[in-house]
C-alpha atoms as a PDB file:
ATOM      1  CA  MET A   1     103.750  87.385 146.693  1.00  0.00           C
ATOM      2  CA  THR A   2     103.038  85.811 143.288  1.00  0.00           C
ATOM      3  CA  THR A   3     102.058  88.210 140.493  1.00  0.00           C
ATOM      4  CA  PRO A   4      98.733  87.254 138.862  1.00  0.00           C
ATOM      5  CA  ALA A   5      98.945  85.935 135.305  1.00  0.00           C
ATOM      6  CA  ALA A   6      97.884  88.049 132.343  1.00  0.00           C
ATOM      7  CA  LEU A   7      97.610  85.073 130.013  1.00  0.00           C
ATOM      8  CA  ARG A   8      98.164  81.346 130.007  1.00  0.00           C
ATOM      9  CA  PHE A   9      99.199  78.815 127.358  1.00  0.00           C
ATOM     10  CA  ARG A  10      97.567  75.465 128.006  1.00  0.00           C
ATOM     11  CA  ASP A  11      99.155  72.666 125.954  1.00  0.00           C
ATOM     12  CA  LEU A  12      99.016  75.050 122.984  1.00  0.00           C
ATOM     13  CA  THR A  13      99.619  73.639 119.504  1.00  0.00           C
ATOM     14  CA  LEU A  14      99.534  75.872 116.419  1.00  0.00           C
ATOM     15  CA  SER A  15      99.709  75.338 112.675  1.00  0.00           C
ATOM     16  CA  TYR A  16     100.207  77.994 110.017  1.00  0.00           C
ATOM     17  CA  ASP A  17      99.398  77.519 106.334  1.00  0.00           C
ATOM     18  CA  GLY A  18      99.030  73.806 107.039  1.00  0.00           C
ATOM     19  CA  HIS A  19     102.463  73.467 108.632  1.00  0.00           C
ATOM     20  CA  PRO A  20     103.105  72.705 112.315  1.00  0.00           C
ATOM     21  CA  ALA A  21     104.487  75.790 114.043  1.00  0.00           C
ATOM     22  CA  VAL A  22     104.228  75.502 117.844  1.00  0.00           C
ATOM     23  CA  HIS A  23     103.906  72.275 119.798  1.00  0.00           C
ATOM     24  CA  HIS A  24     102.441  71.682 123.275  1.00  0.00           C
ATOM     25  CA  LEU A  25     103.398  75.014 124.828  1.00  0.00           C
ATOM     26  CA  SER A  26     102.319  75.520 128.438  1.00  0.00           C
ATOM     27  CA  GLY A  27     103.055  78.363 130.819  1.00  0.00           C
ATOM     28  CA  GLU A  28     101.930  81.727 132.130  1.00  0.00           C
ATOM     29  CA  VAL A  29     102.894  85.330 131.392  1.00  0.00           C
ATOM     30  CA  ALA A  30     102.676  87.465 134.521  1.00  0.00           C
ATOM     31  CA  ARG A  31     100.609  90.629 134.519  1.00  0.00           C
ATOM     32  CA  GLY A  32     102.945  93.557 133.865  1.00  0.00           C
ATOM     33  CA  ALA A  33     105.664  91.345 132.371  1.00  0.00           C
ATOM     34  CA  LEU A  34     108.215  92.588 129.850  1.00  0.00           C
ATOM     35  CA  LEU A  35     108.810  89.384 127.892  1.00  0.00           C
ATOM     36  CA  ALA A  36     110.875  88.762 124.769  1.00  0.00           C
ATOM     37  CA  ILE A  37     110.234  85.820 122.454  1.00  0.00           C
ATOM     38  CA  CYS A  38     113.384  84.730 120.640  1.00  0.00           C
ATOM     39  CA  GLY A  39     114.449  81.813 118.514  1.00  0.00           C
ATOM     40  CA  PRO A  40     115.522  80.711 115.043  1.00  0.00           C
ATOM     41  CA  ASN A  41     113.635  81.653 111.892  1.00  0.00           C
ATOM     42  CA  GLY A  42     110.717  79.279 111.478  1.00  0.00           C
ATOM     43  CA  GLY A  43     110.529  78.660 115.209  1.00  0.00           C
ATOM     44  CA  GLY A  44     106.925  79.819 115.607  1.00  0.00           C
ATOM     45  CA  LYS A  45     107.485  83.223 117.225  1.00  0.00           C
ATOM     46  CA  SER A  46     105.201  85.299 114.982  1.00  0.00           C
ATOM     47  CA  THR A  47     102.667  82.479 114.860  1.00  0.00           C
ATOM     48  CA  LEU A  48     102.454  82.556 118.655  1.00  0.00           C
ATOM     49  CA  LEU A  49     101.739  86.300 118.653  1.00  0.00           C
ATOM     50  CA  LYS A  50      98.978  85.783 116.090  1.00  0.00           C
ATOM     51  CA  ALA A  51      97.401  83.187 118.381  1.00  0.00           C
ATOM     52  CA  ILE A  52      97.560  85.499 121.400  1.00  0.00           C
ATOM     53  CA  SER A  53      95.948  88.302 119.379  1.00  0.00           C
ATOM     54  CA  GLY A  54      93.137  86.000 118.272  1.00  0.00           C
ATOM     55  CA  ALA A  55      94.126  86.151 114.601  1.00  0.00           C
ATOM     56  CA  LEU A  56      94.975  82.423 114.561  1.00  0.00           C
ATOM     57  CA  ARG A  57      92.961  79.622 116.131  1.00  0.00           C
ATOM     58  CA  PRO A  58      94.860  76.872 117.952  1.00  0.00           C
ATOM     59  CA  THR A  59      95.101  73.398 116.471  1.00  0.00           C
ATOM     60  CA  GLY A  60      95.085  72.080 120.020  1.00  0.00           C
ATOM     61  CA  GLY A  61      95.092  73.456 123.533  1.00  0.00           C
ATOM     62  CA  ALA A  62      94.317  77.098 124.223  1.00  0.00           C
ATOM     63  CA  VAL A  63      95.500  80.633 124.856  1.00  0.00           C
ATOM     64  CA  GLU A  64      93.650  81.970 127.896  1.00  0.00           C
ATOM     65  CA  LEU A  65      93.490  85.739 128.433  1.00  0.00           C
ATOM     66  CA  LEU A  66      93.139  86.284 132.168  1.00  0.00           C
ATOM     67  CA  ALA A  67      93.579  90.039 132.548  1.00  0.00           C
ATOM     68  CA  CYS A  68      91.505  91.440 129.696  1.00  0.00           C
ATOM     69  CA  ALA A  69      89.128  90.666 126.852  1.00  0.00           C
ATOM     70  CA  PRO A  70      90.492  89.786 123.389  1.00  0.00           C
ATOM     71  CA  ARG A  71      89.495  93.215 122.083  1.00  0.00           C
ATOM     72  CA  ASP A  72      91.823  94.798 124.652  1.00  0.00           C
ATOM     73  CA  VAL A  73      94.966  93.217 123.176  1.00  0.00           C
ATOM     74  CA  ALA A  74      97.032  95.545 120.960  1.00  0.00           C
ATOM     75  CA  TYR A  75      98.966  93.786 118.211  1.00  0.00           C
ATOM     76  CA  LEU A  76     101.639  95.271 115.969  1.00  0.00           C
ATOM     77  CA  PRO A  77     102.573  92.850 113.147  1.00  0.00           C
ATOM     78  CA  GLN A  78     105.867  92.826 111.300  1.00  0.00           C
ATOM     79  CA  ALA A  79     106.402  95.728 108.933  1.00  0.00           C
ATOM     80  CA  SER A  80     106.239  93.362 105.950  1.00  0.00           C
ATOM     81  CA  ASP A  81     102.671  92.429 106.934  1.00  0.00           C
ATOM     82  CA  VAL A  82     101.421  96.040 106.907  1.00  0.00           C
ATOM     83  CA  ASP A  83      99.750  97.167 103.646  1.00  0.00           C
ATOM     84  CA  ARG A  84     101.190 100.599 102.971  1.00  0.00           C
ATOM     85  CA  SER A  85      99.393 100.959  99.649  1.00  0.00           C
ATOM     86  CA  PHE A  86      96.066 101.644 101.364  1.00  0.00           C
ATOM     87  CA  PRO A  87      95.106 105.312 100.745  1.00  0.00           C
ATOM     88  CA  ILE A  88      95.162 106.646 104.299  1.00  0.00           C
ATOM     89  CA  ASP A  89      97.051 109.467 105.974  1.00  0.00           C
ATOM     90  CA  VAL A  90      98.995 109.386 109.234  1.00  0.00           C
ATOM     91  CA  PHE A  91      96.231 110.987 111.310  1.00  0.00           C
ATOM     92  CA  ASP A  92      93.614 108.455 110.212  1.00  0.00           C
ATOM     93  CA  LEU A  93      96.038 105.547 110.702  1.00  0.00           C
ATOM     94  CA  VAL A  94      96.696 106.611 114.282  1.00  0.00           C
ATOM     95  CA  ALA A  95      92.995 107.272 114.881  1.00  0.00           C
ATOM     96  CA  MET A  96      92.310 103.606 114.078  1.00  0.00           C
ATOM     97  CA  GLY A  97      93.554 102.954 117.614  1.00  0.00           C
ATOM     98  CA  LEU A  98      90.196 104.318 118.824  1.00  0.00           C
ATOM     99  CA  TRP A  99      88.144 101.560 117.192  1.00  0.00           C
ATOM    100  CA  ARG A 100      87.514  99.542 120.357  1.00  0.00           C
ATOM    101  CA  ARG A 101      85.886 102.601 121.915  1.00  0.00           C
ATOM    102  CA  ILE A 102      83.949 104.044 118.989  1.00  0.00           C
ATOM    103  CA  GLY A 103      83.636 101.141 116.509  1.00  0.00           C
ATOM    104  CA  TRP A 104      84.805 101.250 112.928  1.00  0.00           C
ATOM    105  CA  PHE A 105      82.079 103.684 111.847  1.00  0.00           C
ATOM    106  CA  GLY A 106      81.789 105.883 114.930  1.00  0.00           C
ATOM    107  CA  GLY A 107      82.609 109.569 114.896  1.00  0.00           C
ATOM    108  CA  VAL A 108      85.785 110.963 116.471  1.00  0.00           C
ATOM    109  CA  SER A 109      85.148 113.600 119.129  1.00  0.00           C
ATOM    110  CA  LYS A 110      87.173 116.765 119.607  1.00  0.00           C
ATOM    111  CA  ALA A 111      88.822 115.272 122.695  1.00  0.00           C
ATOM    112  CA  GLN A 112      89.700 112.107 120.792  1.00  0.00           C
ATOM    113  CA  ARG A 113      91.179 114.100 117.912  1.00  0.00           C
ATOM    114  CA  ALA A 114      93.333 115.911 120.449  1.00  0.00           C
ATOM    115  CA  ARG A 115      94.450 112.560 121.829  1.00  0.00           C
ATOM    116  CA  VAL A 116      95.472 111.394 118.341  1.00  0.00           C
ATOM    117  CA  THR A 117      97.419 114.621 117.821  1.00  0.00           C
ATOM    118  CA  GLU A 118      99.188 114.121 121.167  1.00  0.00           C
ATOM    119  CA  ALA A 119     100.143 110.565 120.234  1.00  0.00           C
ATOM    120  CA  ILE A 120     101.565 111.728 116.902  1.00  0.00           C
ATOM    121  CA  ALA A 121     103.620 114.350 118.743  1.00  0.00           C
ATOM    122  CA  ALA A 122     104.811 111.752 121.269  1.00  0.00           C
ATOM    123  CA  VAL A 123     106.480 109.722 118.491  1.00  0.00           C
ATOM    124  CA  GLY A 124     108.009 112.757 116.794  1.00  0.00           C
ATOM    125  CA  LEU A 125     105.698 112.994 113.777  1.00  0.00           C
ATOM    126  CA  THR A 126     104.136 116.431 114.300  1.00  0.00           C
ATOM    127  CA  GLY A 127     103.570 117.921 110.857  1.00  0.00           C
ATOM    128  CA  PHE A 128     103.049 114.505 109.244  1.00  0.00           C
ATOM    129  CA  GLU A 129      99.333 114.261 110.052  1.00  0.00           C
ATOM    130  CA  ASP A 130      98.215 114.683 106.409  1.00  0.00           C
ATOM    131  CA  ARG A 131     101.061 112.658 104.904  1.00  0.00           C
ATOM    132  CA  PRO A 132      99.933 109.471 103.056  1.00  0.00           C
ATOM    133  CA  VAL A 133     101.385 106.431 104.823  1.00  0.00           C
ATOM    134  CA  GLY A 134     102.757 105.138 101.525  1.00  0.00           C
ATOM    135  CA  THR A 135     105.228 108.051 101.454  1.00  0.00           C
ATOM    136  CA  LEU A 136     106.708 107.373 104.914  1.00  0.00           C
ATOM    137  CA  SER A 137     110.119 105.861 105.506  1.00  0.00           C
ATOM    138  CA  GLY A 138     110.336 102.607 107.425  1.00  0.00           C
ATOM    139  CA  GLY A 139     111.186 104.396 110.654  1.00  0.00           C
ATOM    140  CA  GLN A 140     108.421 106.967 110.209  1.00  0.00           C
ATOM    141  CA  MET A 141     105.886 104.231 109.550  1.00  0.00           C
ATOM    142  CA  GLN A 142     106.932 102.396 112.683  1.00  0.00           C
ATOM    143  CA  ARG A 143     106.562 105.602 114.699  1.00  0.00           C
ATOM    144  CA  ALA A 144     103.047 106.060 113.311  1.00  0.00           C
ATOM    145  CA  LEU A 145     102.123 102.503 114.278  1.00  0.00           C
ATOM    146  CA  PHE A 146     103.443 103.073 117.803  1.00  0.00           C
ATOM    147  CA  ALA A 147     101.295 106.222 117.971  1.00  0.00           C
ATOM    148  CA  ARG A 148      98.295 104.053 117.103  1.00  0.00           C
ATOM    149  CA  LEU A 149      99.212 101.793 120.030  1.00  0.00           C
ATOM    150  CA  LEU A 150      99.375 104.844 122.303  1.00  0.00           C
ATOM    151  CA  VAL A 151      95.840 105.772 121.293  1.00  0.00           C
ATOM    152  CA  GLN A 152      94.628 102.193 121.692  1.00  0.00           C
ATOM    153  CA  ASP A 153      95.769 102.250 125.331  1.00  0.00           C
ATOM    154  CA  ALA A 154      95.579  98.456 125.755  1.00  0.00           C
ATOM    155  CA  PRO A 155      96.655  96.511 128.863  1.00  0.00           C
ATOM    156  CA  VAL A 156      98.364  93.800 126.752  1.00  0.00           C
ATOM    157  CA  ILE A 157     100.694  94.828 123.911  1.00  0.00           C
ATOM    158  CA  LEU A 158     102.174  92.438 121.327  1.00  0.00           C
ATOM    159  CA  LEU A 159     105.021  93.659 119.107  1.00  0.00           C
ATOM    160  CA  ASP A 160     106.437  91.543 116.282  1.00  0.00           C
ATOM    161  CA  GLU A 161     109.990  92.618 115.359  1.00  0.00           C
ATOM    162  CA  PRO A 162     109.186  96.289 116.082  1.00  0.00           C
ATOM    163  CA  PHE A 163     112.810  97.460 115.787  1.00  0.00           C
ATOM    164  CA  ASN A 164     113.624  95.714 112.527  1.00  0.00           C
ATOM    165  CA  ALA A 165     114.979  97.887 109.684  1.00  0.00           C
ATOM    166  CA  VAL A 166     114.757 101.189 111.575  1.00  0.00           C
ATOM    167  CA  ASP A 167     117.596 103.517 112.538  1.00  0.00           C
ATOM    168  CA  GLU A 168     119.246 103.579 115.967  1.00  0.00           C
ATOM    169  CA  ARG A 169     117.632 106.876 116.996  1.00  0.00           C
ATOM    170  CA  THR A 170     114.165 105.511 116.228  1.00  0.00           C
ATOM    171  CA  ILE A 171     114.939 102.292 118.097  1.00  0.00           C
ATOM    172  CA  GLY A 172     115.947 104.304 121.170  1.00  0.00           C
ATOM    173  CA  GLU A 173     112.806 106.433 121.088  1.00  0.00           C
ATOM    174  CA  LEU A 174     110.499 103.466 120.547  1.00  0.00           C
ATOM    175  CA  LEU A 175     112.218 101.579 123.370  1.00  0.00           C
ATOM    176  CA  ALA A 176     111.501 104.556 125.618  1.00  0.00           C
ATOM    177  CA  LEU A 177     107.800 104.084 124.866  1.00  0.00           C
ATOM    178  CA  VAL A 178     108.058 100.358 125.628  1.00  0.00           C
ATOM    179  CA  ARG A 179     109.690 101.144 128.979  1.00  0.00           C
ATOM    180  CA  ARG A 180     106.947 103.681 129.742  1.00  0.00           C
ATOM    181  CA  TRP A 181     104.249 101.112 129.011  1.00  0.00           C
ATOM    182  CA  HIS A 182     106.042  98.657 131.274  1.00  0.00           C
ATOM    183  CA  GLU A 183     106.222 101.231 134.075  1.00  0.00           C
ATOM    184  CA  ASP A 184     102.457 101.729 133.642  1.00  0.00           C
ATOM    185  CA  GLY A 185     101.974  98.032 134.456  1.00  0.00           C
ATOM    186  CA  ARG A 186     101.049  96.846 130.980  1.00  0.00           C
ATOM    187  CA  THR A 187     101.931  93.342 129.828  1.00  0.00           C
ATOM    188  CA  ILE A 188     104.329  93.565 126.882  1.00  0.00           C
ATOM    189  CA  ILE A 189     105.440  90.666 124.679  1.00  0.00           C
ATOM    190  CA  VAL A 190     107.994  91.405 121.962  1.00  0.00           C
ATOM    191  CA  VAL A 191     109.367  89.128 119.253  1.00  0.00           C
ATOM    192  CA  SER A 192     112.961  90.044 118.469  1.00  0.00           C
ATOM    193  CA  HIS A 193     115.944  88.478 116.711  1.00  0.00           C
ATOM    194  CA  ASP A 194     118.353  90.963 118.313  1.00  0.00           C
ATOM    195  CA  PHE A 195     119.768  88.992 121.231  1.00  0.00           C
ATOM    196  CA  GLU A 196     121.944  91.869 122.464  1.00  0.00           C
ATOM    197  CA  LEU A 197     118.969  94.229 122.648  1.00  0.00           C
ATOM    198  CA  VAL A 198     116.936  91.539 124.425  1.00  0.00           C
ATOM    199  CA  ARG A 199     119.695  90.953 126.969  1.00  0.00           C
ATOM    200  CA  ARG A 200     119.891  94.698 127.624  1.00  0.00           C
ATOM    201  CA  VAL A 201     116.177  95.494 127.877  1.00  0.00           C
ATOM    202  CA  PHE A 202     114.066  92.421 128.623  1.00  0.00           C
ATOM    203  CA  PRO A 203     114.246  90.690 132.011  1.00  0.00           C
ATOM    204  CA  GLN A 204     112.358  87.577 130.826  1.00  0.00           C
ATOM    205  CA  THR A 205     112.666  85.577 127.598  1.00  0.00           C
ATOM    206  CA  LEU A 206     110.891  82.650 126.000  1.00  0.00           C
ATOM    207  CA  LEU A 207     113.294  80.826 123.674  1.00  0.00           C
ATOM    208  CA  LEU A 208     111.036  79.114 121.154  1.00  0.00           C
ATOM    209  CA  ALA A 209     111.947  76.608 118.431  1.00  0.00           C
ATOM    210  CA  ARG A 210     108.583  75.032 117.616  1.00  0.00           C
ATOM    211  CA  GLU A 211     108.758  73.927 121.258  1.00  0.00           C
ATOM    212  CA  GLU A 212     109.825  75.721 124.405  1.00  0.00           C
ATOM    213  CA  ILE A 213     113.607  75.479 124.783  1.00  0.00           C
ATOM    214  CA  ALA A 214     113.879  77.785 127.796  1.00  0.00           C
ATOM    215  CA  TRP A 215     111.645  80.299 129.567  1.00  0.00           C
ATOM    216  CA  GLY A 216     112.710  82.561 132.385  1.00  0.00           C
ATOM    217  CA  ASP A 217     115.567  84.903 133.221  1.00  0.00           C
ATOM    218  CA  THR A 218     116.928  86.262 129.937  1.00  0.00           C
ATOM    219  CA  ALA A 219     120.601  85.562 130.657  1.00  0.00           C
ATOM    220  CA  GLN A 220     119.805  81.924 131.377  1.00  0.00           C
ATOM    221  CA  ALA A 221     117.288  81.486 128.552  1.00  0.00           C
ATOM    222  CA  LEU A 222     119.774  82.813 125.987  1.00  0.00           C
ATOM    223  CA  ALA A 223     122.714  80.799 127.250  1.00  0.00           C
ATOM    224  CA  PRO A 224     124.836  79.306 124.420  1.00  0.00           C
ATOM    225  CA  ASP A 225     123.692  75.729 125.091  1.00  0.00           C
ATOM    226  CA  ASN A 226     120.052  76.776 124.796  1.00  0.00           C
ATOM    227  CA  LEU A 227     120.656  78.693 121.560  1.00  0.00           C
ATOM    228  CA  LEU A 228     122.375  75.654 120.074  1.00  0.00           C
ATOM    229  CA  ALA A 229     119.504  73.407 121.162  1.00  0.00           C
ATOM    230  CA  ALA A 230     116.992  75.818 119.572  1.00  0.00           C
ATOM    231  CA  ARG A 231     118.808  75.802 116.237  1.00  0.00           C
ATOM    232  CA  ARG A 232     119.045  72.015 116.214  1.00  0.00           C
ATOM    233  CA  MET A 233     115.364  71.676 117.089  1.00  0.00           C
ATOM    234  CA  VAL A 234     114.219  73.751 114.098  1.00  0.00           C
ATOM    235  CA  GLU A 235     116.661  71.942 111.788  1.00  0.00           C
ATOM    236  CA  ALA A 236     115.260  68.602 112.977  1.00  0.00           C
ATOM    237  CA  PHE A 237     111.676  69.721 112.282  1.00  0.00           C
ATOM    238  CA  ASP A 238     112.668  70.916 108.823  1.00  0.00           C
ATOM    239  CA  ARG A 239     114.384  67.613 108.000  1.00  0.00           C
ATOM    240  CA  GLU A 240     111.323  65.651 109.099  1.00  0.00           C
ATOM    241  CA  ALA A 241     109.050  67.859 106.983  1.00  0.00           C
ATOM    242  CA  HIS A 242     111.221  67.370 103.886  1.00  0.00           C
ATOM    243  CA  GLU A 243     111.317  63.609 104.439  1.00  0.00           C
ATOM    244  CA  CYS A 244     107.512  63.519 104.741  1.00  0.00           C
ATOM    245  CA  GLU A 245     107.170  65.501 101.505  1.00  0.00           C
ATOM    246  CA  ARG A 246     109.466  63.079  99.670  1.00  0.00           C
ATOM    247  CA  ALA A 247     107.574  60.089 101.077  1.00  0.00           C
ATOM    248  CA  ALA A 248     104.271  61.577  99.962  1.00  0.00           C
END
């Protein structure tokens, strides 16, 4: 029996800051999938997540959400894209996961406050509720952002390099949450540069280098020939861009 699709890419083409990023991508992500997106730097991985989340409009084609509304997609950007200078404490950061239920200016009920507290405890940050986010370590900040995802309770979860620059213990505990979400039947798409972690945890992988190089079983997608083809594809795009700049 075929698993219904959670989302579909239909001849999707994306540009970012005026530069081509993803070209003519087509395919479906099954509902409940645990999918990694891998590829060289500059291959369009983060750009693709932005398009799925609705933060970036396609240049051509479409991203079709088939299992939920756009507001029901949870998106965790790279740590470098998170503004930690904003004056907010851990509790309020995690409580932002409630926005799709209460709106940005709605009040938080007693039951919802308890839910936020439970999420903070689930990621090992009990006692940090009043701590300004700007004082957190990288691993603590990532835990707080995962707690926000717990509160958001979305059927589709997008994570962009969620294990980057955090310690091994934190990686293990955050991976346990990812596995729990997967067991709950959520659709999870994770960008990662750590091929060994992907091979160990993710059954399906999209190898992306501006274009699809391979998509399917992780061991096959990350085969050496495919990785070489991905690197050459990005290098070819970069050469063409530099030649166009010189010609201009």
